[in-house]
Amino acid sequence: MEGPTVEFFEGVHEEISDVSLRRNRSTGVRSVQLTFNRLNSLERFKSYTKRFAQALRLTDEEGRIEVEPDSVQFVFGGDDGDDLVRVECRFEINRDDHWERLMRFMTRYAEANGMEYGEPGKGGEGVKA
């Protein structure tokens, strides 16, 4: 089996640039923000030739996690404001077993892609390349 993968479109692997993990202290709800500095599915219009996964797919040796993002934000910049700077994908996790499974995936993804955990700050922690 290949290493852990992330897909918005079937068969088009994306590369996570940054991860932010937070927990609301009053509700206990955990939120995840995955940041992508570029999307392979947008290059050369791959998104039009592949089937949309209807969810963010995270796949590793344990199987597949399918997440419906709460939001996906495209951030643009550059001189004309039309250069894609990053894409931020956010979702929440309420159940402990789902959180533990996501953390196992993120640990495998980080190890396979040379990422490491950053310092916790303001109730969260992050993973960076």
C-alpha atoms as a PDB file:
ATOM      1  CA  MET A   1       0.000   0.000   0.000  1.00  0.00           C
ATOM      2  CA  GLU A   2       1.125   3.532  -0.725  1.00  0.00           C
ATOM      3  CA  GLY A   3       1.406   6.067   2.086  1.00  0.00           C
ATOM      4  CA  PRO A   4      -1.460   8.113   3.505  1.00  0.00           C
ATOM      5  CA  THR A   5      -3.324  10.167   0.894  1.00  0.00           C
ATOM      6  CA  VAL A   6      -5.704  13.131   0.816  1.00  0.00           C
ATOM      7  CA  GLU A   7      -8.180  13.634  -2.060  1.00  0.00           C
ATOM      8  CA  PHE A   8     -10.989  16.007  -2.994  1.00  0.00           C
ATOM      9  CA  PHE A   9     -11.306  14.310  -6.397  1.00  0.00           C
ATOM     10  CA  GLU A  10     -10.971  10.578  -6.929  1.00  0.00           C
ATOM     11  CA  GLY A  11      -7.394   9.623  -7.801  1.00  0.00           C
ATOM     12  CA  VAL A  12      -5.965  13.158  -7.458  1.00  0.00           C
ATOM     13  CA  HIS A  13      -3.765  13.302  -4.369  1.00  0.00           C
ATOM     14  CA  GLU A  14      -3.381  16.613  -2.582  1.00  0.00           C
ATOM     15  CA  GLU A  15      -0.554  17.735  -0.307  1.00  0.00           C
ATOM     16  CA  ILE A  16      -1.393  19.235   3.085  1.00  0.00           C
ATOM     17  CA  SER A  17       0.768  22.286   3.847  1.00  0.00           C
ATOM     18  CA  ASP A  18      -0.408  22.981   7.390  1.00  0.00           C
ATOM     19  CA  VAL A  19      -2.795  21.547   9.979  1.00  0.00           C
ATOM     20  CA  SER A  20      -4.411  23.357  12.876  1.00  0.00           C
ATOM     21  CA  LEU A  21      -6.142  21.329  15.594  1.00  0.00           C
ATOM     22  CA  ARG A  22      -8.276  23.120  18.178  1.00  0.00           C
ATOM     23  CA  ARG A  23     -10.661  22.175  20.966  1.00  0.00           C
ATOM     24  CA  ASN A  24     -13.405  24.412  22.274  1.00  0.00           C
ATOM     25  CA  ARG A  25     -12.897  24.344  26.024  1.00  0.00           C
ATOM     26  CA  SER A  26     -16.542  24.987  26.838  1.00  0.00           C
ATOM     27  CA  THR A  27     -18.144  22.504  24.408  1.00  0.00           C
ATOM     28  CA  GLY A  28     -15.329  20.001  23.887  1.00  0.00           C
ATOM     29  CA  VAL A  29     -15.896  20.113  20.106  1.00  0.00           C
ATOM     30  CA  ARG A  30     -12.674  19.698  18.166  1.00  0.00           C
ATOM     31  CA  SER A  31     -12.063  21.584  14.943  1.00  0.00           C
ATOM     32  CA  VAL A  32      -9.564  20.830  12.235  1.00  0.00           C
ATOM     33  CA  GLN A  33      -8.243  23.178   9.573  1.00  0.00           C
ATOM     34  CA  LEU A  34      -6.233  21.662   6.744  1.00  0.00           C
ATOM     35  CA  THR A  35      -4.358  24.193   4.603  1.00  0.00           C
ATOM     36  CA  PHE A  36      -3.239  23.463   1.059  1.00  0.00           C
ATOM     37  CA  ASN A  37      -0.831  25.905  -0.633  1.00  0.00           C
ATOM     38  CA  ARG A  38      -1.909  24.474  -3.988  1.00  0.00           C
ATOM     39  CA  LEU A  39      -4.438  21.950  -5.235  1.00  0.00           C
ATOM     40  CA  ASN A  40      -3.425  19.345  -7.792  1.00  0.00           C
ATOM     41  CA  SER A  41      -7.084  18.982  -8.758  1.00  0.00           C
ATOM     42  CA  LEU A  42      -7.108  22.578 -10.044  1.00  0.00           C
ATOM     43  CA  GLU A  43      -3.957  22.261 -12.132  1.00  0.00           C
ATOM     44  CA  ARG A  44      -4.702  21.680 -15.814  1.00  0.00           C
ATOM     45  CA  PHE A  45      -8.394  21.376 -14.887  1.00  0.00           C
ATOM     46  CA  LYS A  46      -8.003  17.888 -13.445  1.00  0.00           C
ATOM     47  CA  SER A  47     -11.139  18.510 -11.437  1.00  0.00           C
ATOM     48  CA  TYR A  48     -13.181  18.399 -14.639  1.00  0.00           C
ATOM     49  CA  THR A  49     -11.832  15.009 -15.710  1.00  0.00           C
ATOM     50  CA  LYS A  50     -12.104  13.208 -12.348  1.00  0.00           C
ATOM     51  CA  ARG A  51     -15.124  12.346 -10.250  1.00  0.00           C
ATOM     52  CA  PHE A  52     -15.710  14.626  -7.234  1.00  0.00           C
ATOM     53  CA  ALA A  53     -15.462  12.580  -4.051  1.00  0.00           C
ATOM     54  CA  GLN A  54     -18.425  14.413  -2.408  1.00  0.00           C
ATOM     55  CA  ALA A  55     -16.161  14.617   0.650  1.00  0.00           C
ATOM     56  CA  LEU A  56     -12.555  15.015   1.645  1.00  0.00           C
ATOM     57  CA  ARG A  57     -11.014  11.538   1.586  1.00  0.00           C
ATOM     58  CA  LEU A  58      -8.197  10.637   3.946  1.00  0.00           C
ATOM     59  CA  THR A  59      -6.852   7.153   3.239  1.00  0.00           C
ATOM     60  CA  ASP A  60      -4.198   5.132   5.044  1.00  0.00           C
ATOM     61  CA  GLU A  61      -3.447   1.539   6.027  1.00  0.00           C
ATOM     62  CA  GLU A  62      -6.510   1.450   8.329  1.00  0.00           C
ATOM     63  CA  GLY A  63      -8.856   2.438   5.538  1.00  0.00           C
ATOM     64  CA  ARG A  64     -10.679   5.555   4.403  1.00  0.00           C
ATOM     65  CA  ILE A  65     -12.034   8.495   6.382  1.00  0.00           C
ATOM     66  CA  GLU A  66     -14.595  10.608   4.527  1.00  0.00           C
ATOM     67  CA  VAL A  67     -15.201  14.096   5.877  1.00  0.00           C
ATOM     68  CA  GLU A  68     -17.728  16.645   4.670  1.00  0.00           C
ATOM     69  CA  PRO A  69     -16.013  19.999   5.280  1.00  0.00           C
ATOM     70  CA  ASP A  70     -17.935  22.711   7.112  1.00  0.00           C
ATOM     71  CA  SER A  71     -16.177  25.230   4.879  1.00  0.00           C
ATOM     72  CA  VAL A  72     -13.603  25.411   2.111  1.00  0.00           C
ATOM     73  CA  GLN A  73     -12.112  28.862   1.648  1.00  0.00           C
ATOM     74  CA  PHE A  74      -9.999  29.884  -1.333  1.00  0.00           C
ATOM     75  CA  VAL A  75      -7.549  32.692  -0.416  1.00  0.00           C
ATOM     76  CA  PHE A  76      -6.240  34.797  -3.296  1.00  0.00           C
ATOM     77  CA  GLY A  77      -3.421  37.333  -3.446  1.00  0.00           C
ATOM     78  CA  GLY A  78      -0.785  38.680  -5.804  1.00  0.00           C
ATOM     79  CA  ASP A  79      -0.663  41.991  -7.632  1.00  0.00           C
ATOM     80  CA  ASP A  80      -4.048  41.509  -9.272  1.00  0.00           C
ATOM     81  CA  GLY A  81      -5.558  39.485  -6.447  1.00  0.00           C
ATOM     82  CA  ASP A  82      -6.131  36.471  -8.653  1.00  0.00           C
ATOM     83  CA  ASP A  83      -3.240  34.203  -7.592  1.00  0.00           C
ATOM     84  CA  LEU A  84      -4.321  31.279  -5.414  1.00  0.00           C
ATOM     85  CA  VAL A  85      -2.371  31.613  -2.172  1.00  0.00           C
ATOM     86  CA  ARG A  86      -3.945  28.767  -0.213  1.00  0.00           C
ATOM     87  CA  VAL A  87      -7.083  26.736   0.357  1.00  0.00           C
ATOM     88  CA  GLU A  88      -8.383  26.249   3.901  1.00  0.00           C
ATOM     89  CA  CYS A  89     -10.628  23.271   4.615  1.00  0.00           C
ATOM     90  CA  ARG A  90     -12.380  23.223   7.999  1.00  0.00           C
ATOM     91  CA  PHE A  91     -14.437  20.569   9.757  1.00  0.00           C
ATOM     92  CA  GLU A  92     -15.469  19.606  13.286  1.00  0.00           C
ATOM     93  CA  ILE A  93     -15.235  16.297  15.110  1.00  0.00           C
ATOM     94  CA  ASN A  94     -17.540  15.549  18.037  1.00  0.00           C
ATOM     95  CA  ARG A  95     -16.833  11.897  18.808  1.00  0.00           C
ATOM     96  CA  ASP A  96     -13.692  10.752  20.644  1.00  0.00           C
ATOM     97  CA  ASP A  97     -13.275   7.620  18.496  1.00  0.00           C
ATOM     98  CA  HIS A  98     -13.400   9.721  15.309  1.00  0.00           C
ATOM     99  CA  TRP A  99     -10.838  12.138  16.777  1.00  0.00           C
ATOM    100  CA  GLU A 100      -8.515   9.264  17.716  1.00  0.00           C
ATOM    101  CA  ARG A 101      -8.798   7.829  14.191  1.00  0.00           C
ATOM    102  CA  LEU A 102      -8.040  11.226  12.629  1.00  0.00           C
ATOM    103  CA  MET A 103      -5.002  11.603  14.893  1.00  0.00           C
ATOM    104  CA  ARG A 104      -3.679   8.190  13.824  1.00  0.00           C
ATOM    105  CA  PHE A 105      -4.090   9.254  10.185  1.00  0.00           C
ATOM    106  CA  MET A 106      -2.391  12.629  10.820  1.00  0.00           C
ATOM    107  CA  THR A 107       0.525  10.947  12.598  1.00  0.00           C
ATOM    108  CA  ARG A 108       1.037   8.604   9.633  1.00  0.00           C
ATOM    109  CA  TYR A 109       0.646  11.461   7.139  1.00  0.00           C
ATOM    110  CA  ALA A 110       3.125  13.639   9.053  1.00  0.00           C
ATOM    111  CA  GLU A 111       5.701  10.851   9.239  1.00  0.00           C
ATOM    112  CA  ALA A 112       5.348  10.003   5.537  1.00  0.00           C
ATOM    113  CA  ASN A 113       5.635  13.644   4.446  1.00  0.00           C
ATOM    114  CA  GLY A 114       8.351  15.037   6.733  1.00  0.00           C
ATOM    115  CA  MET A 115       5.982  17.096   8.853  1.00  0.00           C
ATOM    116  CA  GLU A 116       6.184  17.655  12.578  1.00  0.00           C
ATOM    117  CA  TYR A 117       3.996  18.990  15.358  1.00  0.00           C
ATOM    118  CA  GLY A 118       4.425  22.644  16.240  1.00  0.00           C
ATOM    119  CA  GLU A 119       4.041  24.294  19.593  1.00  0.00           C
ATOM    120  CA  PRO A 120       0.536  24.413  21.032  1.00  0.00           C
ATOM    121  CA  GLY A 121      -0.865  27.908  21.070  1.00  0.00           C
ATOM    122  CA  LYS A 122      -4.144  29.327  22.293  1.00  0.00           C
ATOM    123  CA  GLY A 123      -5.842  25.954  22.697  1.00  0.00           C
ATOM    124  CA  GLY A 124      -4.538  24.376  19.527  1.00  0.00           C
ATOM    125  CA  GLU A 125      -1.639  22.565  17.988  1.00  0.00           C
ATOM    126  CA  GLY A 126      -0.445  22.324  14.459  1.00  0.00           C
ATOM    127  CA  VAL A 127       1.472  20.181  12.019  1.00  0.00           C
ATOM    128  CA  LYS A 128       3.765  21.839   9.490  1.00  0.00           C
ATOM    129  CA  ALA A 129       6.015  20.788   6.662  1.00  0.00           C
END
